[in-house]
Amino acid sequence: MRELWIRTPLNEIPDEIGKLRELRTFIVSNKSASFDKLPDSIAGLKNLKTLQLGNNITSIPDSIAELKNL
């Protein structure tokens, strides 16, 4: 899977997101997403080029700095 668009309400991003190694685009288009942090496993998305999230994010893990293509 190279693109993941989430258009339905989402309470959290599961840790398993980091297993999608080929993911290049991750977009949460529902502005009412109720999650407020990204899991550390986000660092596993080494090919990620586009990350678009809702407005509620208050915590981004330091590991996001490992995403050199972002």
C-alpha atoms as a PDB file:
ATOM      1  CA  MET A   1       0.000   0.000   0.000  1.00  0.00           C
ATOM      2  CA  ARG A   2       1.416   3.352  -1.007  1.00  0.00           C
ATOM      3  CA  GLU A   3      -1.422   5.698  -0.079  1.00  0.00           C
ATOM      4  CA  LEU A   4      -3.729   5.736   2.917  1.00  0.00           C
ATOM      5  CA  TRP A   5      -6.559   8.250   3.161  1.00  0.00           C
ATOM      6  CA  ILE A   6      -8.789   8.095   6.216  1.00  0.00           C
ATOM      7  CA  ARG A   7     -12.123   9.832   5.814  1.00  0.00           C
ATOM      8  CA  THR A   8     -14.015   8.454   8.799  1.00  0.00           C
ATOM      9  CA  PRO A   9     -13.768   9.427  12.473  1.00  0.00           C
ATOM     10  CA  LEU A  10     -10.598   8.111  14.068  1.00  0.00           C
ATOM     11  CA  ASN A  11      -9.876   7.939  17.804  1.00  0.00           C
ATOM     12  CA  GLU A  12      -6.232   6.943  17.466  1.00  0.00           C
ATOM     13  CA  ILE A  13      -3.642   5.861  14.967  1.00  0.00           C
ATOM     14  CA  PRO A  14      -2.737   2.271  15.803  1.00  0.00           C
ATOM     15  CA  ASP A  15       0.889   1.289  16.400  1.00  0.00           C
ATOM     16  CA  GLU A  16       0.597  -1.095  13.448  1.00  0.00           C
ATOM     17  CA  ILE A  17       0.813   1.906  11.109  1.00  0.00           C
ATOM     18  CA  GLY A  18       4.591   1.496  11.285  1.00  0.00           C
ATOM     19  CA  LYS A  19       4.306  -1.850   9.496  1.00  0.00           C
ATOM     20  CA  LEU A  20       3.181  -0.160   6.273  1.00  0.00           C
ATOM     21  CA  ARG A  21       6.774   0.218   5.096  1.00  0.00           C
ATOM     22  CA  GLU A  22       5.898   1.207   1.523  1.00  0.00           C
ATOM     23  CA  LEU A  23       3.437   3.924   2.538  1.00  0.00           C
ATOM     24  CA  ARG A  24       4.232   7.229   0.812  1.00  0.00           C
ATOM     25  CA  THR A  25       1.103   9.246   1.516  1.00  0.00           C
ATOM     26  CA  PHE A  26      -0.875   9.276   4.761  1.00  0.00           C
ATOM     27  CA  ILE A  27      -3.797  11.685   4.968  1.00  0.00           C
ATOM     28  CA  VAL A  28      -6.471  11.979   7.605  1.00  0.00           C
ATOM     29  CA  SER A  29      -9.022  14.132   5.825  1.00  0.00           C
ATOM     30  CA  ASN A  30     -11.611  14.131   8.588  1.00  0.00           C
ATOM     31  CA  LYS A  31     -11.020  17.330  10.530  1.00  0.00           C
ATOM     32  CA  SER A  32     -12.998  15.956  13.443  1.00  0.00           C
ATOM     33  CA  ALA A  33     -10.416  13.272  14.169  1.00  0.00           C
ATOM     34  CA  SER A  34     -10.212  12.984  17.917  1.00  0.00           C
ATOM     35  CA  PHE A  35      -6.673  11.639  18.270  1.00  0.00           C
ATOM     36  CA  ASP A  36      -4.054  14.041  19.572  1.00  0.00           C
ATOM     37  CA  LYS A  37      -0.766  12.191  19.172  1.00  0.00           C
ATOM     38  CA  LEU A  38       1.150  10.071  16.734  1.00  0.00           C
ATOM     39  CA  PRO A  39       2.549   6.706  17.790  1.00  0.00           C
ATOM     40  CA  ASP A  40       6.342   6.232  17.893  1.00  0.00           C
ATOM     41  CA  SER A  41       5.919   3.532  15.260  1.00  0.00           C
ATOM     42  CA  ILE A  42       5.368   6.309  12.700  1.00  0.00           C
ATOM     43  CA  ALA A  43       9.162   6.257  12.331  1.00  0.00           C
ATOM     44  CA  GLY A  44       8.796   2.943  10.509  1.00  0.00           C
ATOM     45  CA  LEU A  45       7.328   4.739   7.489  1.00  0.00           C
ATOM     46  CA  LYS A  46      10.693   5.412   5.877  1.00  0.00           C
ATOM     47  CA  ASN A  47       9.176   6.078   2.431  1.00  0.00           C
ATOM     48  CA  LEU A  48       6.589   8.573   3.665  1.00  0.00           C
ATOM     49  CA  LYS A  49       6.591  11.782   1.621  1.00  0.00           C
ATOM     50  CA  THR A  50       3.219  13.297   2.549  1.00  0.00           C
ATOM     51  CA  LEU A  51       1.684  13.445   6.007  1.00  0.00           C
ATOM     52  CA  GLN A  52      -1.501  15.437   6.536  1.00  0.00           C
ATOM     53  CA  LEU A  53      -3.309  15.237   9.856  1.00  0.00           C
ATOM     54  CA  GLY A  54      -6.199  16.884  11.640  1.00  0.00           C
ATOM     55  CA  ASN A  55      -5.882  19.971  13.784  1.00  0.00           C
ATOM     56  CA  ASN A  56      -5.919  18.157  17.122  1.00  0.00           C
ATOM     57  CA  ILE A  57      -2.303  16.929  17.153  1.00  0.00           C
ATOM     58  CA  THR A  58      -0.548  18.090  20.302  1.00  0.00           C
ATOM     59  CA  SER A  59       2.210  15.478  20.487  1.00  0.00           C
ATOM     60  CA  ILE A  60       4.613  14.423  17.751  1.00  0.00           C
ATOM     61  CA  PRO A  61       7.257  11.840  18.654  1.00  0.00           C
ATOM     62  CA  ASP A  62      10.921  12.770  18.232  1.00  0.00           C
ATOM     63  CA  SER A  63      11.256   9.720  15.994  1.00  0.00           C
ATOM     64  CA  ILE A  64       9.480  11.639  13.228  1.00  0.00           C
ATOM     65  CA  ALA A  65      12.861  13.257  12.533  1.00  0.00           C
ATOM     66  CA  GLU A  66      13.944   9.876  11.123  1.00  0.00           C
ATOM     67  CA  LEU A  67      11.566  10.330   8.188  1.00  0.00           C
ATOM     68  CA  LYS A  68      14.044  11.861   5.754  1.00  0.00           C
ATOM     69  CA  ASN A  69      11.639  11.862   2.787  1.00  0.00           C
ATOM     70  CA  LEU A  70       8.919  13.753   4.621  1.00  0.00           C
END
